[in-house]
Amino acid sequence: MSVLKVIEVLANSEKSWEDATKKAVAEASKSVKNIRSVYVQDQSASVKDGEISDFRVNVKITFEVK
């Protein structure tokens, strides 16, 4: 039987929500091993001068505890 744990991570990117998600996983993987999946819970964006300036994601990252 595997034991899994879930953490919540917030990340942002000037490029896209996909890039923000990749950054969240990359940052989490620096201190968390055995990452199994990522679930994008929320997406939002900041607007400046009528254009999107920042993409934000709230993700849940699941990893196996050994």
PDB file of N, CA and C in Angstrom:
ATOM      1  N   MET A   1       0.831  -1.174   0.000  1.00  0.00           N
ATOM      2  CA  MET A   1       0.000   0.000   0.000  1.00  0.00           C
ATOM      3  C   MET A   1       0.882   1.247   0.000  1.00  0.00           C
ATOM      4  N   SER A   2       0.518   2.217  -0.805  1.00  0.00           N
ATOM      5  CA  SER A   2       1.246   3.481  -0.875  1.00  0.00           C
ATOM      6  C   SER A   2       0.545   4.537  -0.033  1.00  0.00           C
ATOM      7  N   VAL A   3       1.341   5.409   0.548  1.00  0.00           N
ATOM      8  CA  VAL A   3       0.808   6.552   1.269  1.00  0.00           C
ATOM      9  C   VAL A   3       1.118   7.787   0.432  1.00  0.00           C
ATOM     10  N   LEU A   4       0.079   8.552   0.107  1.00  0.00           N
ATOM     11  CA  LEU A   4       0.243   9.746  -0.712  1.00  0.00           C
ATOM     12  C   LEU A   4      -0.093  10.978   0.117  1.00  0.00           C
ATOM     13  N   LYS A   5       0.591  12.070  -0.193  1.00  0.00           N
ATOM     14  CA  LYS A   5       0.354  13.329   0.490  1.00  0.00           C
ATOM     15  C   LYS A   5       0.107  14.399  -0.567  1.00  0.00           C
ATOM     16  N   VAL A   6      -0.700  15.396  -0.225  1.00  0.00           N
ATOM     17  CA  VAL A   6      -1.027  16.475  -1.158  1.00  0.00           C
ATOM     18  C   VAL A   6      -0.609  17.803  -0.535  1.00  0.00           C
ATOM     19  N   ILE A   7       0.078  18.622  -1.333  1.00  0.00           N
ATOM     20  CA  ILE A   7       0.417  19.981  -0.907  1.00  0.00           C
ATOM     21  C   ILE A   7      -0.186  20.961  -1.907  1.00  0.00           C
ATOM     22  N   GLU A   8      -0.437  22.154  -1.451  1.00  0.00           N
ATOM     23  CA  GLU A   8      -0.983  23.194  -2.313  1.00  0.00           C
ATOM     24  C   GLU A   8       0.112  24.209  -2.601  1.00  0.00           C
ATOM     25  N   VAL A   9       0.261  24.569  -3.884  1.00  0.00           N
ATOM     26  CA  VAL A   9       1.327  25.475  -4.308  1.00  0.00           C
ATOM     27  C   VAL A   9       0.740  26.560  -5.203  1.00  0.00           C
ATOM     28  N   LEU A  10       1.175  27.786  -4.996  1.00  0.00           N
ATOM     29  CA  LEU A  10       0.786  28.907  -5.848  1.00  0.00           C
ATOM     30  C   LEU A  10       1.986  29.300  -6.694  1.00  0.00           C
ATOM     31  N   ALA A  11       1.731  29.582  -7.979  1.00  0.00           N
ATOM     32  CA  ALA A  11       2.827  29.991  -8.868  1.00  0.00           C
ATOM     33  C   ALA A  11       2.306  30.975  -9.904  1.00  0.00           C
ATOM     34  N   ASN A  12       3.230  31.709 -10.514  1.00  0.00           N
ATOM     35  CA  ASN A  12       2.830  32.652 -11.560  1.00  0.00           C
ATOM     36  C   ASN A  12       3.840  32.663 -12.700  1.00  0.00           C
ATOM     37  N   SER A  13       3.399  33.207 -13.829  1.00  0.00           N
ATOM     38  CA  SER A  13       4.247  33.294 -15.018  1.00  0.00           C
ATOM     39  C   SER A  13       3.761  34.453 -15.874  1.00  0.00           C
ATOM     40  N   GLU A  14       4.667  35.070 -16.583  1.00  0.00           N
ATOM     41  CA  GLU A  14       4.292  36.118 -17.531  1.00  0.00           C
ATOM     42  C   GLU A  14       3.878  35.519 -18.872  1.00  0.00           C
ATOM     43  N   LYS A  15       4.160  34.204 -19.085  1.00  0.00           N
ATOM     44  CA  LYS A  15       3.876  33.548 -20.369  1.00  0.00           C
ATOM     45  C   LYS A  15       2.481  32.939 -20.460  1.00  0.00           C
ATOM     46  N   SER A  16       2.173  31.995 -19.529  1.00  0.00           N
ATOM     47  CA  SER A  16       0.922  31.237 -19.641  1.00  0.00           C
ATOM     48  C   SER A  16       0.624  30.493 -18.349  1.00  0.00           C
ATOM     49  N   TRP A  17      -0.614  29.958 -18.268  1.00  0.00           N
ATOM     50  CA  TRP A  17      -0.972  29.128 -17.120  1.00  0.00           C
ATOM     51  C   TRP A  17      -0.166  27.830 -17.141  1.00  0.00           C
ATOM     52  N   GLU A  18       0.091  27.304 -18.339  1.00  0.00           N
ATOM     53  CA  GLU A  18       0.892  26.082 -18.450  1.00  0.00           C
ATOM     54  C   GLU A  18       2.298  26.305 -17.892  1.00  0.00           C
ATOM     55  N   ASP A  19       2.897  27.431 -18.235  1.00  0.00           N
ATOM     56  CA  ASP A  19       4.239  27.741 -17.736  1.00  0.00           C
ATOM     57  C   ASP A  19       4.215  27.922 -16.212  1.00  0.00           C
ATOM     58  N   ALA A  20       3.171  28.552 -15.690  1.00  0.00           N
ATOM     59  CA  ALA A  20       3.056  28.713 -14.240  1.00  0.00           C
ATOM     60  C   ALA A  20       2.946  27.352 -13.554  1.00  0.00           C
ATOM     61  N   THR A  21       2.202  26.424 -14.160  1.00  0.00           N
ATOM     62  CA  THR A  21       2.075  25.071 -13.609  1.00  0.00           C
ATOM     63  C   THR A  21       3.419  24.358 -13.621  1.00  0.00           C
ATOM     64  N   LYS A  22       4.157  24.473 -14.713  1.00  0.00           N
ATOM     65  CA  LYS A  22       5.483  23.860 -14.797  1.00  0.00           C
ATOM     66  C   LYS A  22       6.421  24.435 -13.738  1.00  0.00           C
ATOM     67  N   LYS A  23       6.330  25.733 -13.505  1.00  0.00           N
ATOM     68  CA  LYS A  23       7.167  26.367 -12.478  1.00  0.00           C
ATOM     69  C   LYS A  23       6.812  25.856 -11.082  1.00  0.00           C
ATOM     70  N   ALA A  24       5.520  25.661 -10.825  1.00  0.00           N
ATOM     71  CA  ALA A  24       5.087  25.146  -9.523  1.00  0.00           C
ATOM     72  C   ALA A  24       5.669  23.760  -9.273  1.00  0.00           C
ATOM     73  N   VAL A  25       5.594  22.881 -10.276  1.00  0.00           N
ATOM     74  CA  VAL A  25       6.123  21.522 -10.131  1.00  0.00           C
ATOM     75  C   VAL A  25       7.645  21.554  -9.993  1.00  0.00           C
ATOM     76  N   ALA A  26       8.306  22.370 -10.784  1.00  0.00           N
ATOM     77  CA  ALA A  26       9.767  22.456 -10.720  1.00  0.00           C
ATOM     78  C   ALA A  26      10.229  22.939  -9.348  1.00  0.00           C
ATOM     79  N   GLU A  27       9.556  23.936  -8.807  1.00  0.00           N
ATOM     80  CA  GLU A  27       9.937  24.467  -7.497  1.00  0.00           C
ATOM     81  C   GLU A  27       9.660  23.443  -6.395  1.00  0.00           C
ATOM     82  N   ALA A  28       8.504  22.791  -6.456  1.00  0.00           N
ATOM     83  CA  ALA A  28       8.164  21.785  -5.450  1.00  0.00           C
ATOM     84  C   ALA A  28       9.133  20.612  -5.486  1.00  0.00           C
ATOM     85  N   SER A  29       9.572  20.232  -6.681  1.00  0.00           N
ATOM     86  CA  SER A  29      10.459  19.070  -6.815  1.00  0.00           C
ATOM     87  C   SER A  29      11.846  19.313  -6.226  1.00  0.00           C
ATOM     88  N   LYS A  30      12.166  20.549  -5.894  1.00  0.00           N
ATOM     89  CA  LYS A  30      13.442  20.835  -5.239  1.00  0.00           C
ATOM     90  C   LYS A  30      13.481  20.280  -3.816  1.00  0.00           C
ATOM     91  N   SER A  31      12.312  20.203  -3.177  1.00  0.00           N
ATOM     92  CA  SER A  31      12.282  19.710  -1.804  1.00  0.00           C
ATOM     93  C   SER A  31      11.369  18.496  -1.608  1.00  0.00           C
ATOM     94  N   VAL A  32      10.550  18.172  -2.611  1.00  0.00           N
ATOM     95  CA  VAL A  32       9.624  17.042  -2.515  1.00  0.00           C
ATOM     96  C   VAL A  32       9.990  16.017  -3.578  1.00  0.00           C
ATOM     97  N   LYS A  33      10.142  14.781  -3.151  1.00  0.00           N
ATOM     98  CA  LYS A  33      10.489  13.700  -4.088  1.00  0.00           C
ATOM     99  C   LYS A  33       9.254  12.848  -4.360  1.00  0.00           C
ATOM    100  N   ASN A  34       9.324  12.039  -5.398  1.00  0.00           N
ATOM    101  CA  ASN A  34       8.260  11.092  -5.751  1.00  0.00           C
ATOM    102  C   ASN A  34       6.938  11.764  -6.109  1.00  0.00           C
ATOM    103  N   ILE A  35       7.002  12.898  -6.820  1.00  0.00           N
ATOM    104  CA  ILE A  35       5.778  13.569  -7.259  1.00  0.00           C
ATOM    105  C   ILE A  35       5.069  12.677  -8.264  1.00  0.00           C
ATOM    106  N   ARG A  36       3.785  12.478  -8.040  1.00  0.00           N
ATOM    107  CA  ARG A  36       2.980  11.598  -8.894  1.00  0.00           C
ATOM    108  C   ARG A  36       2.075  12.367  -9.856  1.00  0.00           C
ATOM    109  N   SER A  37       1.486  13.488  -9.374  1.00  0.00           N
ATOM    110  CA  SER A  37       0.541  14.217 -10.226  1.00  0.00           C
ATOM    111  C   SER A  37       0.397  15.658  -9.767  1.00  0.00           C
ATOM    112  N   VAL A  38      -0.184  16.456 -10.660  1.00  0.00           N
ATOM    113  CA  VAL A  38      -0.501  17.846 -10.331  1.00  0.00           C
ATOM    114  C   VAL A  38      -1.921  18.125 -10.817  1.00  0.00           C
ATOM    115  N   TYR A  39      -2.695  18.781  -9.970  1.00  0.00           N
ATOM    116  CA  TYR A  39      -4.074  19.128 -10.285  1.00  0.00           C
ATOM    117  C   TYR A  39      -4.194  20.646 -10.224  1.00  0.00           C
ATOM    118  N   VAL A  40      -4.589  21.257 -11.343  1.00  0.00           N
ATOM    119  CA  VAL A  40      -4.761  22.705 -11.371  1.00  0.00           C
ATOM    120  C   VAL A  40      -6.132  23.018 -10.784  1.00  0.00           C
ATOM    121  N   GLN A  41      -6.120  23.615  -9.606  1.00  0.00           N
ATOM    122  CA  GLN A  41      -7.355  23.899  -8.894  1.00  0.00           C
ATOM    123  C   GLN A  41      -7.971  25.219  -9.367  1.00  0.00           C
ATOM    124  N   ASP A  42      -7.162  26.258  -9.485  1.00  0.00           N
ATOM    125  CA  ASP A  42      -7.649  27.582  -9.886  1.00  0.00           C
ATOM    126  C   ASP A  42      -6.666  28.236 -10.844  1.00  0.00           C
ATOM    127  N   GLN A  43      -7.222  29.050 -11.726  1.00  0.00           N
ATOM    128  CA  GLN A  43      -6.414  29.865 -12.627  1.00  0.00           C
ATOM    129  C   GLN A  43      -6.927  31.299 -12.527  1.00  0.00           C
ATOM    130  N   SER A  44      -6.003  32.240 -12.567  1.00  0.00           N
ATOM    131  CA  SER A  44      -6.381  33.651 -12.586  1.00  0.00           C
ATOM    132  C   SER A  44      -5.306  34.425 -13.326  1.00  0.00           C
ATOM    133  N   ALA A  45      -5.593  35.685 -13.594  1.00  0.00           N
ATOM    134  CA  ALA A  45      -4.632  36.518 -14.308  1.00  0.00           C
ATOM    135  C   ALA A  45      -4.739  37.954 -13.808  1.00  0.00           C
ATOM    136  N   SER A  46      -3.610  38.643 -13.854  1.00  0.00           N
ATOM    137  CA  SER A  46      -3.585  40.067 -13.534  1.00  0.00           C
ATOM    138  C   SER A  46      -3.648  40.839 -14.840  1.00  0.00           C
ATOM    139  N   VAL A  47      -4.348  41.963 -14.810  1.00  0.00           N
ATOM    140  CA  VAL A  47      -4.490  42.784 -16.012  1.00  0.00           C
ATOM    141  C   VAL A  47      -3.881  44.148 -15.750  1.00  0.00           C
ATOM    142  N   LYS A  48      -3.078  44.608 -16.713  1.00  0.00           N
ATOM    143  CA  LYS A  48      -2.464  45.926 -16.618  1.00  0.00           C
ATOM    144  C   LYS A  48      -2.605  46.608 -17.970  1.00  0.00           C
ATOM    145  N   ASP A  49      -3.143  47.803 -17.977  1.00  0.00           N
ATOM    146  CA  ASP A  49      -3.349  48.582 -19.199  1.00  0.00           C
ATOM    147  C   ASP A  49      -4.138  47.798 -20.251  1.00  0.00           C
ATOM    148  N   GLY A  50      -5.155  47.053 -19.803  1.00  0.00           N
ATOM    149  CA  GLY A  50      -6.026  46.331 -20.714  1.00  0.00           C
ATOM    150  C   GLY A  50      -5.464  45.038 -21.268  1.00  0.00           C
ATOM    151  N   GLU A  51      -4.319  44.581 -20.755  1.00  0.00           N
ATOM    152  CA  GLU A  51      -3.713  43.344 -21.236  1.00  0.00           C
ATOM    153  C   GLU A  51      -3.293  42.479 -20.045  1.00  0.00           C
ATOM    154  N   ILE A  52      -3.297  41.162 -20.257  1.00  0.00           N
ATOM    155  CA  ILE A  52      -2.867  40.245 -19.206  1.00  0.00           C
ATOM    156  C   ILE A  52      -1.369  40.414 -18.980  1.00  0.00           C
ATOM    157  N   SER A  53      -1.024  40.646 -17.725  1.00  0.00           N
ATOM    158  CA  SER A  53       0.389  40.859 -17.390  1.00  0.00           C
ATOM    159  C   SER A  53       0.987  39.683 -16.616  1.00  0.00           C
ATOM    160  N   ASP A  54       0.116  38.844 -16.030  1.00  0.00           N
ATOM    161  CA  ASP A  54       0.618  37.786 -15.159  1.00  0.00           C
ATOM    162  C   ASP A  54      -0.426  36.678 -15.064  1.00  0.00           C
ATOM    163  N   PHE A  55      -0.013  35.438 -15.315  1.00  0.00           N
ATOM    164  CA  PHE A  55      -0.882  34.271 -15.191  1.00  0.00           C
ATOM    165  C   PHE A  55      -0.589  33.598 -13.859  1.00  0.00           C
ATOM    166  N   ARG A  56      -1.645  33.214 -13.129  1.00  0.00           N
ATOM    167  CA  ARG A  56      -1.460  32.608 -11.805  1.00  0.00           C
ATOM    168  C   ARG A  56      -2.208  31.285 -11.724  1.00  0.00           C
ATOM    169  N   VAL A  57      -1.611  30.327 -11.030  1.00  0.00           N
ATOM    170  CA  VAL A  57      -2.272  29.043 -10.803  1.00  0.00           C
ATOM    171  C   VAL A  57      -2.169  28.665  -9.332  1.00  0.00           C
ATOM    172  N   ASN A  58      -3.177  27.957  -8.890  1.00  0.00           N
ATOM    173  CA  ASN A  58      -3.195  27.338  -7.573  1.00  0.00           C
ATOM    174  C   ASN A  58      -3.289  25.845  -7.861  1.00  0.00           C
ATOM    175  N   VAL A  59      -2.237  25.090  -7.550  1.00  0.00           N
ATOM    176  CA  VAL A  59      -2.198  23.663  -7.892  1.00  0.00           C
ATOM    177  C   VAL A  59      -2.078  22.807  -6.637  1.00  0.00           C
ATOM    178  N   LYS A  60      -2.547  21.562  -6.777  1.00  0.00           N
ATOM    179  CA  LYS A  60      -2.361  20.560  -5.728  1.00  0.00           C
ATOM    180  C   LYS A  60      -1.410  19.512  -6.290  1.00  0.00           C
ATOM    181  N   ILE A  61      -0.322  19.278  -5.580  1.00  0.00           N
ATOM    182  CA  ILE A  61       0.699  18.341  -6.019  1.00  0.00           C
ATOM    183  C   ILE A  61       0.647  17.114  -5.104  1.00  0.00           C
ATOM    184  N   THR A  62       0.527  15.957  -5.728  1.00  0.00           N
ATOM    185  CA  THR A  62       0.451  14.690  -4.983  1.00  0.00           C
ATOM    186  C   THR A  62       1.775  13.966  -5.095  1.00  0.00           C
ATOM    187  N   PHE A  63       2.272  13.475  -3.950  1.00  0.00           N
ATOM    188  CA  PHE A  63       3.524  12.729  -3.963  1.00  0.00           C
ATOM    189  C   PHE A  63       3.433  11.552  -3.006  1.00  0.00           C
ATOM    190  N   GLU A  64       4.277  10.565  -3.257  1.00  0.00           N
ATOM    191  CA  GLU A  64       4.302   9.360  -2.443  1.00  0.00           C
ATOM    192  C   GLU A  64       5.251   9.542  -1.268  1.00  0.00           C
ATOM    193  N   VAL A  65       4.791   9.163  -0.079  1.00  0.00           N
ATOM    194  CA  VAL A  65       5.608   9.195   1.128  1.00  0.00           C
ATOM    195  C   VAL A  65       6.204   7.808   1.313  1.00  0.00           C
ATOM    196  N   LYS A  66       7.523   7.740   1.397  1.00  0.00           N
ATOM    197  CA  LYS A  66       8.185   6.449   1.558  1.00  0.00           C
ATOM    198  C   LYS A  66       8.725   6.279   2.945  1.00  0.00           C
TER     199      LYS A  66
END
